[in-house]
Amino acid sequence: MAEKVKVWFDPEADYLEVQFREAPGFMRPTAHDAVMERVDGQGHVLGFSVIGVSRFRKDHPLEAELVAGE
């Protein structure tokens, strides 16, 4: 069964958000200063957001680690 992913992009804010599933959660920082991850109460990754999307070029893609469950 396929899973749905929701993606939002706000060009005015230069902001991208990707949601893997809907559930209560909160944002927390990652090691990358442009990336925040949305996690649930158990630390499972629900999605992520990127601030300043336009600064990333095709030849230098953004790479970040999302930590699943702690």
C-alpha atoms as a PDB file:
ATOM      1  CA  MET A   1       0.000   0.000   0.000  1.00  0.00           C
ATOM      2  CA  ALA A   2       1.322   3.397  -0.973  1.00  0.00           C
ATOM      3  CA  GLU A   3       1.758   6.073   1.669  1.00  0.00           C
ATOM      4  CA  LYS A   4       0.885   9.724   1.165  1.00  0.00           C
ATOM      5  CA  VAL A   5       3.399  12.462   1.817  1.00  0.00           C
ATOM      6  CA  LYS A   6       2.304  16.083   2.124  1.00  0.00           C
ATOM      7  CA  VAL A   7       4.570  18.842   0.859  1.00  0.00           C
ATOM      8  CA  TRP A   8       4.129  22.587   1.377  1.00  0.00           C
ATOM      9  CA  PHE A   9       6.269  25.285  -0.182  1.00  0.00           C
ATOM     10  CA  ASP A  10       5.908  28.956   0.637  1.00  0.00           C
ATOM     11  CA  PRO A  11       7.963  30.937  -1.926  1.00  0.00           C
ATOM     12  CA  GLU A  12       7.559  34.219  -0.025  1.00  0.00           C
ATOM     13  CA  ALA A  13       9.006  32.696   3.125  1.00  0.00           C
ATOM     14  CA  ASP A  14      11.402  30.466   1.118  1.00  0.00           C
ATOM     15  CA  TYR A  15      10.142  27.613   3.302  1.00  0.00           C
ATOM     16  CA  LEU A  16       9.471  23.932   2.537  1.00  0.00           C
ATOM     17  CA  GLU A  17       7.724  21.456   4.819  1.00  0.00           C
ATOM     18  CA  VAL A  18       7.277  17.714   4.245  1.00  0.00           C
ATOM     19  CA  GLN A  19       4.926  15.635   6.375  1.00  0.00           C
ATOM     20  CA  PHE A  20       5.179  11.825   6.349  1.00  0.00           C
ATOM     21  CA  ARG A  21       2.144  11.324   8.577  1.00  0.00           C
ATOM     22  CA  GLU A  22      -0.313  13.368  10.615  1.00  0.00           C
ATOM     23  CA  ALA A  23       0.026  13.169  14.385  1.00  0.00           C
ATOM     24  CA  PRO A  24       0.571  15.564  17.267  1.00  0.00           C
ATOM     25  CA  GLY A  25       4.191  16.593  17.451  1.00  0.00           C
ATOM     26  CA  PHE A  26       6.716  19.347  17.759  1.00  0.00           C
ATOM     27  CA  MET A  27       9.639  20.767  15.817  1.00  0.00           C
ATOM     28  CA  ARG A  28      13.192  20.264  16.981  1.00  0.00           C
ATOM     29  CA  PRO A  29      16.505  21.377  15.497  1.00  0.00           C
ATOM     30  CA  THR A  30      18.859  19.085  13.602  1.00  0.00           C
ATOM     31  CA  ALA A  31      22.612  19.324  13.054  1.00  0.00           C
ATOM     32  CA  HIS A  32      21.857  21.317   9.855  1.00  0.00           C
ATOM     33  CA  ASP A  33      20.951  24.942  10.620  1.00  0.00           C
ATOM     34  CA  ALA A  34      18.325  25.064   7.824  1.00  0.00           C
ATOM     35  CA  VAL A  35      16.510  21.862   8.774  1.00  0.00           C
ATOM     36  CA  MET A  36      14.034  21.190  11.574  1.00  0.00           C
ATOM     37  CA  GLU A  37      12.417  17.814  12.135  1.00  0.00           C
ATOM     38  CA  ARG A  38       8.849  17.268  13.355  1.00  0.00           C
ATOM     39  CA  VAL A  39       8.666  14.394  15.839  1.00  0.00           C
ATOM     40  CA  ASP A  40       6.000  12.798  18.015  1.00  0.00           C
ATOM     41  CA  GLY A  41       6.228  12.315  21.781  1.00  0.00           C
ATOM     42  CA  GLN A  42       8.344   9.191  21.342  1.00  0.00           C
ATOM     43  CA  GLY A  43      10.784  10.910  18.985  1.00  0.00           C
ATOM     44  CA  HIS A  44       9.517   9.278  15.781  1.00  0.00           C
ATOM     45  CA  VAL A  45      10.022  11.512  12.762  1.00  0.00           C
ATOM     46  CA  LEU A  46       6.736  12.861  11.354  1.00  0.00           C
ATOM     47  CA  GLY A  47       8.336  15.167   8.801  1.00  0.00           C
ATOM     48  CA  PHE A  48      10.810  17.970   8.344  1.00  0.00           C
ATOM     49  CA  SER A  49      11.079  21.579   7.231  1.00  0.00           C
ATOM     50  CA  VAL A  50      13.731  23.564   5.384  1.00  0.00           C
ATOM     51  CA  ILE A  51      14.280  27.300   5.769  1.00  0.00           C
ATOM     52  CA  GLY A  52      15.983  29.198   2.951  1.00  0.00           C
ATOM     53  CA  VAL A  53      15.328  26.589   0.274  1.00  0.00           C
ATOM     54  CA  SER A  54      16.542  28.795  -2.610  1.00  0.00           C
ATOM     55  CA  ARG A  55      20.125  28.875  -1.309  1.00  0.00           C
ATOM     56  CA  PHE A  56      20.590  25.185  -2.152  1.00  0.00           C
ATOM     57  CA  ARG A  57      21.797  24.551  -5.698  1.00  0.00           C
ATOM     58  CA  LYS A  58      21.408  21.498  -7.915  1.00  0.00           C
ATOM     59  CA  ASP A  59      25.110  20.719  -7.715  1.00  0.00           C
ATOM     60  CA  HIS A  60      25.158  21.086  -3.907  1.00  0.00           C
ATOM     61  CA  PRO A  61      22.003  19.428  -2.591  1.00  0.00           C
ATOM     62  CA  LEU A  62      20.962  19.739   1.004  1.00  0.00           C
ATOM     63  CA  GLU A  63      21.900  16.733   3.113  1.00  0.00           C
ATOM     64  CA  ALA A  64      20.636  16.272   6.644  1.00  0.00           C
ATOM     65  CA  GLU A  65      20.096  13.406   9.045  1.00  0.00           C
ATOM     66  CA  LEU A  66      16.706  12.883  10.686  1.00  0.00           C
ATOM     67  CA  VAL A  67      16.909  10.933  13.914  1.00  0.00           C
ATOM     68  CA  ALA A  68      14.128   8.361  14.265  1.00  0.00           C
ATOM     69  CA  GLY A  69      12.966   7.498  17.781  1.00  0.00           C
ATOM     70  CA  GLU A  70      15.129   7.895  20.831  1.00  0.00           C
END
